[in-house]
Protein backbone atom coordinates (compact mmCIF):
# COMPACT_ATOMS: atom_id res chain seq x y z
CA MET A 1 -15.12 -248.43 -106.94
CA ASN A 2 -12.99 -245.22 -107.14
CA CYS A 3 -12.25 -242.66 -109.48
CA GLN A 4 -8.70 -242.82 -110.73
CA SER A 5 -8.53 -239.53 -111.43
CA CYS A 6 -9.84 -237.50 -107.86
CA GLY A 7 -10.54 -240.67 -106.10
CA SER A 8 -14.24 -240.10 -105.53
CA GLU A 9 -16.29 -243.18 -105.23
CA ILE A 10 -18.11 -244.43 -108.08
CA ALA A 11 -21.57 -245.69 -107.92
CA PRO A 12 -21.41 -248.96 -110.05
CA GLY A 13 -22.23 -249.00 -114.07
CA LYS A 14 -21.48 -245.34 -114.26
CA LYS A 15 -18.88 -244.32 -117.30
CA PHE A 16 -18.03 -241.22 -115.90
CA CYS A 17 -17.29 -239.74 -112.60
CA SER A 18 -19.89 -237.55 -111.55
CA ASN A 19 -17.46 -235.21 -109.29
CA CYS A 20 -14.79 -234.46 -112.24
CA GLY A 21 -16.11 -235.87 -115.14
CA ALA A 22 -13.22 -238.30 -115.87
CA PRO A 23 -14.23 -241.45 -117.96
CA VAL A 24 -14.39 -245.00 -115.94
CA ALA A 25 -11.88 -247.36 -116.87
CA GLN A 26 -13.31 -251.33 -116.51
CA ALA A 27 -11.01 -254.69 -116.91
CA SER A 28 -12.66 -257.29 -118.79
CA ALA A 29 -13.35 -260.91 -116.60
CA GLY A 30 -10.61 -263.75 -116.50
CA GLN A 31 -7.68 -261.04 -118.68
CA ALA A 32 -4.45 -260.99 -117.37
CA ALA A 33 -4.06 -257.81 -115.38
CA GLY A 34 -1.67 -255.15 -117.25
CA PRO A 35 -0.19 -252.37 -116.07
CA PRO A 36 -2.66 -249.64 -114.84
CA PRO A 37 -3.74 -247.62 -117.90
CA ALA A 38 -2.16 -243.92 -117.49
CA PRO A 39 -4.72 -241.48 -115.83
CA PRO A 40 -6.84 -239.66 -118.21
CA GLN A 41 -6.14 -235.82 -118.34
CA PRO A 42 -8.71 -233.98 -116.49
CA THR A 43 -11.45 -232.32 -117.94
CA GLN A 44 -13.41 -229.20 -117.04
CA PRO A 45 -16.70 -230.14 -116.65
CA LEU A 46 -19.28 -228.89 -119.50
CA THR A 47 -20.98 -226.77 -117.29
CA ALA A 48 -18.53 -225.25 -114.53
CA PRO A 49 -20.51 -223.43 -111.53
CA VAL A 50 -19.45 -219.69 -111.58
CA PRO A 51 -19.02 -218.10 -107.67
CA PRO A 52 -20.45 -215.08 -106.76
CA PRO A 53 -17.98 -212.05 -106.68
CA VAL A 54 -16.73 -211.18 -103.69
CA VAL A 55 -16.12 -207.51 -102.38
CA PRO A 56 -13.01 -207.72 -99.76
CA ALA A 57 -13.88 -206.27 -96.50
CA ALA A 58 -11.76 -203.85 -95.24
CA PRO A 59 -8.82 -204.55 -92.51
CA ARG A 60 -10.19 -203.84 -89.53
CA GLY A 61 -7.47 -202.16 -87.86
CA ARG A 62 -7.83 -199.37 -90.49
CA SER A 63 -11.25 -198.73 -90.21
CA LYS A 64 -10.71 -198.37 -86.45
CA GLY A 65 -7.90 -195.64 -87.28
CA LYS A 66 -9.99 -193.59 -89.36
CA THR A 67 -13.09 -193.45 -86.67
CA VAL A 68 -10.19 -192.36 -84.22
CA LEU A 69 -8.80 -190.12 -86.42
CA ALA A 70 -12.05 -188.56 -87.74
CA ILE A 71 -13.24 -188.22 -83.18
CA VAL A 72 -9.54 -186.32 -82.74
CA LEU A 73 -10.62 -183.95 -85.51
CA GLY A 74 -13.64 -183.58 -84.17
CA LEU A 75 -12.24 -182.81 -80.67
CA ILE A 76 -9.79 -180.07 -82.03
CA VAL A 77 -12.16 -178.31 -83.82
CA LEU A 78 -14.92 -178.45 -80.61
CA ALA A 79 -11.30 -176.68 -79.11
CA GLU A 80 -11.22 -173.93 -81.37
CA ILE A 81 -14.65 -172.81 -81.04
CA ALA A 82 -14.24 -173.36 -77.54
CA VAL A 83 -11.52 -170.78 -77.57
CA ALA A 84 -13.03 -168.30 -79.92
CA VAL A 85 -16.33 -168.32 -77.76
CA VAL A 86 -13.85 -167.18 -75.00
CA PHE A 87 -12.11 -164.57 -76.82
CA ILE A 88 -15.63 -163.09 -77.65
CA VAL A 89 -16.82 -163.79 -74.42
CA LYS A 90 -13.78 -161.59 -72.99
CA ALA A 91 -14.08 -159.05 -75.88
CA VAL A 92 -17.50 -158.62 -75.05
CA SER A 93 -17.12 -158.50 -71.41
CA PRO A 94 -15.15 -155.80 -69.67
CA SER A 95 -11.89 -156.97 -67.52
CA THR A 96 -12.40 -155.56 -63.74
CA SER A 97 -9.70 -152.38 -63.46
CA ALA A 98 -9.52 -149.40 -61.36
CA SER A 99 -7.46 -146.46 -62.24
CA VAL A 100 -7.88 -142.52 -60.09
CA THR A 101 -5.77 -139.95 -62.99
CA GLY A 102 -5.96 -136.89 -61.15
CA LEU A 103 -7.26 -134.80 -58.11
CA VAL A 104 -7.64 -131.15 -57.69
CA LEU A 105 -9.01 -128.44 -55.35
CA THR A 106 -10.02 -125.10 -56.48
CA ARG A 107 -12.66 -122.30 -55.24
CA LYS A 108 -16.04 -122.81 -56.12
CA ASP A 109 -16.03 -119.00 -56.90
CA GLY A 110 -12.72 -119.61 -59.66
CA LYS A 111 -10.41 -117.26 -57.56
CA ALA A 112 -7.07 -118.44 -57.18
CA LEU A 113 -6.62 -120.54 -54.82
CA ASN A 114 -3.24 -121.10 -52.43
CA LEU A 115 -2.82 -124.65 -50.99
CA LYS A 116 -0.26 -123.90 -48.60
CA LYS A 117 -2.66 -121.40 -47.08
CA VAL A 118 -6.83 -122.51 -48.01
CA PRO A 119 -9.04 -119.87 -46.08
CA LEU A 120 -11.82 -120.71 -44.21
CA ASP A 121 -16.39 -120.77 -44.59
CA VAL A 122 -15.16 -120.39 -48.53
CA ASP A 123 -17.09 -123.32 -51.12
CA LEU A 124 -14.16 -125.42 -52.08
CA ARG A 125 -14.47 -127.76 -54.49
CA LEU A 126 -13.03 -131.75 -54.94
CA THR A 127 -12.58 -132.94 -58.17
CA ALA A 128 -11.30 -136.18 -59.00
CA THR A 129 -10.83 -138.12 -62.87
CA PHE A 130 -10.47 -141.72 -63.43
CA LYS A 131 -11.55 -144.33 -65.36
CA ALA A 132 -13.37 -147.45 -64.17
CA GLN A 133 -14.85 -151.34 -66.13
CA TYR A 134 -16.63 -153.91 -64.55
CA PRO A 135 -18.66 -156.78 -66.07
CA LYS A 136 -21.99 -156.49 -66.10
CA GLY A 137 -23.42 -157.15 -62.91
CA GLY A 138 -20.72 -155.83 -61.20
CA SER A 139 -20.33 -152.18 -59.15
CA GLY A 140 -18.36 -149.16 -58.48
CA LYS A 141 -17.65 -146.45 -56.12
CA ILE A 142 -15.75 -143.64 -55.27
CA ARG A 143 -15.27 -142.02 -52.33
CA LEU A 144 -14.19 -137.70 -51.84
CA SER A 145 -13.07 -137.30 -48.19
CA VAL A 146 -10.45 -135.24 -46.47
CA VAL A 147 -8.86 -136.13 -43.56
CA ASP A 148 -6.20 -135.38 -40.98
CA GLY A 149 -2.81 -135.69 -39.81
CA ASN A 150 -4.01 -138.88 -37.67
CA GLY A 151 -6.14 -140.57 -40.61
CA GLU A 152 -9.46 -138.97 -39.06
CA GLU A 153 -11.73 -138.96 -41.60
CA LEU A 154 -13.09 -134.90 -41.35
CA VAL A 155 -15.84 -134.71 -44.20
CA GLY A 156 -16.78 -137.01 -47.29
CA GLU A 157 -19.37 -138.15 -49.78
CA THR A 158 -19.30 -141.50 -51.70
CA PHE A 159 -20.13 -141.81 -55.40
CA THR A 160 -21.33 -144.19 -57.62
CA VAL A 161 -19.73 -145.05 -61.01
CA GLN A 162 -20.40 -146.63 -64.36
CA SER A 163 -18.33 -149.14 -66.06
CA ASN A 164 -16.92 -147.13 -69.08
CA GLY A 165 -14.20 -147.21 -70.58
CA SER A 166 -13.46 -143.27 -71.03
CA SER A 167 -12.43 -141.18 -68.12
CA GLN A 168 -15.17 -139.75 -65.80
CA LYS A 169 -15.27 -136.82 -63.23
CA LYS A 170 -16.59 -136.81 -59.78
CA GLN A 171 -17.00 -133.31 -57.77
CA TYR A 172 -17.60 -132.73 -54.13
CA THR A 173 -18.32 -129.30 -52.88
CA MET A 174 -17.30 -128.56 -49.46
CA ASN A 175 -16.56 -125.96 -46.72
CA MET A 176 -13.82 -125.63 -44.08
CA THR A 177 -15.29 -124.24 -41.28
CA ALA A 178 -12.01 -125.13 -38.59
CA GLY A 179 -8.58 -125.46 -39.34
CA SER A 180 -5.18 -126.71 -37.22
CA GLY A 181 -2.89 -124.82 -39.77
CA LYS A 182 -1.58 -128.10 -40.13
CA PRO A 183 -1.28 -130.42 -43.23
CA ILE A 184 -4.17 -132.08 -44.45
CA LYS A 185 -5.12 -134.24 -46.82
CA ALA A 186 -7.93 -134.29 -49.53
CA LYS A 187 -8.43 -138.20 -51.02
CA ALA A 188 -9.79 -139.95 -53.19
CA LYS A 189 -10.83 -143.83 -53.16
CA LEU A 190 -12.16 -146.33 -56.12
CA ASP A 191 -13.69 -149.21 -55.59
CA VAL A 192 -14.99 -151.76 -58.68
CA GLN A 193 -16.21 -155.16 -57.96
CA ALA A 194 -17.12 -157.64 -60.31
CA LYS A 195 -19.95 -160.20 -60.10
CA THR A 196 -17.37 -162.79 -59.77
CA GLY A 197 -16.00 -161.61 -56.61
CA SER A 198 -12.91 -159.95 -58.57
CA LYS A 199 -11.85 -156.82 -57.43
CA ALA A 200 -9.74 -153.96 -58.09
CA SER A 201 -9.04 -150.37 -56.24
CA SER A 202 -6.67 -147.39 -56.44
CA GLN A 203 -6.31 -143.88 -54.78
CA LYS A 204 -5.00 -140.40 -54.65
CA THR A 205 -4.36 -137.65 -52.40
CA LEU A 206 -3.07 -134.53 -52.33
CA THR A 207 -2.20 -131.90 -49.67
CA TYR A 208 -3.29 -128.50 -47.97
CA THR A 209 -3.11 -126.69 -45.31
CA ALA A 210 -6.24 -124.52 -44.13
CA GLU A 211 -6.21 -121.90 -41.67
CA GLU A 212 -5.76 -121.91 -38.51
CA GLY A 213 -9.03 -120.88 -36.14
CA THR A 214 -12.72 -120.96 -36.91
CA VAL A 215 -15.21 -119.83 -38.84
CA LYS A 216 -16.02 -118.19 -35.48
CA ASP A 217 -13.06 -116.36 -35.95
CA SER A 218 -12.35 -115.35 -38.64
CA GLY A 219 -15.92 -114.46 -39.32
CA SER A 220 -17.78 -113.99 -42.90
CA ASN A 221 -16.06 -112.67 -45.92
CA ALA A 222 -18.25 -109.87 -45.66
CA GLU A 223 -17.45 -108.64 -41.97
CA LEU A 224 -13.61 -110.16 -42.83
CA GLU A 225 -12.93 -107.31 -45.54
CA THR A 226 -14.96 -104.44 -43.61
CA THR A 227 -12.46 -105.63 -40.29
CA ARG A 228 -9.44 -105.36 -43.35
CA ALA A 229 -10.64 -101.77 -44.28
CA ASN A 230 -10.60 -100.51 -41.18
CA VAL A 231 -7.58 -101.71 -40.26
CA GLN A 232 -5.99 -100.19 -43.43
CA ALA A 233 -7.32 -96.81 -42.67
CA SER A 234 -6.08 -97.20 -38.71
CA TYR A 235 -2.81 -98.10 -40.63
CA ASP A 236 -2.34 -95.12 -43.14
CA ASP A 237 -3.35 -92.53 -40.14
CA LEU A 238 0.14 -94.15 -38.45
CA MET A 239 2.01 -93.35 -41.53
CA THR A 240 0.59 -90.02 -41.92
CA SER A 241 1.55 -89.32 -37.94
CA MET A 242 5.39 -91.18 -38.75
CA LYS A 243 5.75 -88.63 -41.31
CA VAL A 244 4.73 -85.90 -39.34
CA ALA A 245 6.49 -86.44 -36.76
CA ASN A 246 9.40 -86.75 -39.16
CA SER A 247 8.67 -83.15 -40.68
CA SER A 248 8.27 -81.59 -37.04
CA GLY A 249 11.76 -82.92 -35.86
CA THR A 250 10.35 -85.61 -33.61
CA ASP A 251 12.74 -88.72 -33.33
CA VAL A 252 10.13 -91.87 -34.93
CA SER A 253 13.20 -93.76 -36.26
CA ASP A 254 12.91 -96.34 -33.35
CA LEU A 255 9.45 -97.18 -34.49
CA MET A 256 10.17 -97.47 -38.13
CA ASN A 257 10.50 -101.51 -38.20
CA GLN A 258 7.46 -102.14 -36.01
CA VAL A 259 5.66 -99.98 -38.44
CA ALA A 260 6.92 -102.43 -41.44
CA ASP A 261 6.20 -105.34 -39.72
CA ILE A 262 2.58 -104.83 -39.36
CA GLY A 263 1.97 -103.44 -42.69
CA VAL A 264 3.46 -107.13 -43.81
CA SER A 265 1.04 -108.64 -41.47
CA LEU A 266 -1.83 -106.69 -42.78
CA ALA A 267 -1.30 -107.82 -46.16
CA ALA A 268 -1.29 -111.26 -44.85
CA ALA A 269 -3.86 -111.67 -42.22
CA GLN A 270 -6.67 -113.81 -43.56
CA THR A 271 -8.80 -113.86 -40.29
CA VAL A 272 -11.14 -111.25 -37.75
CA SER A 273 -8.55 -112.34 -35.32
CA GLU A 274 -5.36 -111.07 -36.97
CA LEU A 275 -6.68 -108.22 -37.97
CA ASP A 276 -8.14 -107.25 -34.39
CA ALA A 277 -4.56 -107.88 -33.00
CA LEU A 278 -2.93 -105.66 -35.82
CA ASP A 279 -5.14 -102.85 -34.89
CA VAL A 280 -4.67 -102.46 -31.29
CA GLN A 281 -0.81 -102.59 -31.80
CA ILE A 282 -1.31 -99.51 -34.67
CA LYS A 283 -3.65 -97.89 -32.15
CA ASN A 284 -0.75 -98.12 -29.63
CA LEU A 285 2.07 -96.45 -31.95
CA GLN A 286 0.02 -93.53 -33.02
CA ALA A 287 -0.43 -93.10 -29.41
CA GLU A 288 3.18 -93.33 -28.67
CA VAL A 289 3.73 -91.00 -31.71
CA GLN A 290 1.71 -88.40 -30.62
CA ARG A 291 3.08 -88.72 -27.25
CA ARG A 292 6.54 -87.32 -28.29
CA MET A 293 5.03 -84.95 -30.93
CA THR A 294 3.90 -83.71 -27.56
CA GLN A 295 6.17 -83.43 -25.37
């Protein structure tokens, strides 16, 4: 027998449906079957079970999106940290750079120097100013030298330089023992190198002309000045003889230009050999003046 309310099977002898609690309708034996009674309204069981509260689970798509967003934000933060580290490293580690800012040639004794006629056997000072920077572990050097017109080095010296943002200076003292009378170049070449292999270089040159000849020809400064004084005395005697000749009526007018030229050359002479040649000319003119005065 089935329940007319919910359709569940009812065990014999039961008056109520064990599933929905509806009363069981029974017909009398032998009684004509009439229309089925109206189905009773379902009633709630006396003790209805209370289901436990269900917490809705978060949608899988939303949880995955949050995870992806968190990963992206983390990567952005790491990238910003990496950029900051790079900037800090660059700020601490100087770049590789080299710049020669100046190069001058002077006399060591402080006297004026004419770069168009630099004397031999005089101590000269080549001074270079520069800036050099390289990261820790790198190196730097500067070479001060003199090269001839063919680019061949005559003298020179190499100095180690430090990495420094401020201006630095190196000096090289030299002494020219020979000169061709042609322009030559003083040169400063700066080279720096990082440990990673990056390099930078800079150079500067100046042109000057050394006296023609050798130290042997020019002699020492003391010998040069002594020779100059002796030749000057001979020239003064010649000038006196010229005046006496004019006073006595001796014609020496044709010798005046030669005497004047010797005076100019005497003031410009820088070597003993030049002075000796002038002394010979002076003595020849002196002899000619005396010869004319005795005629």
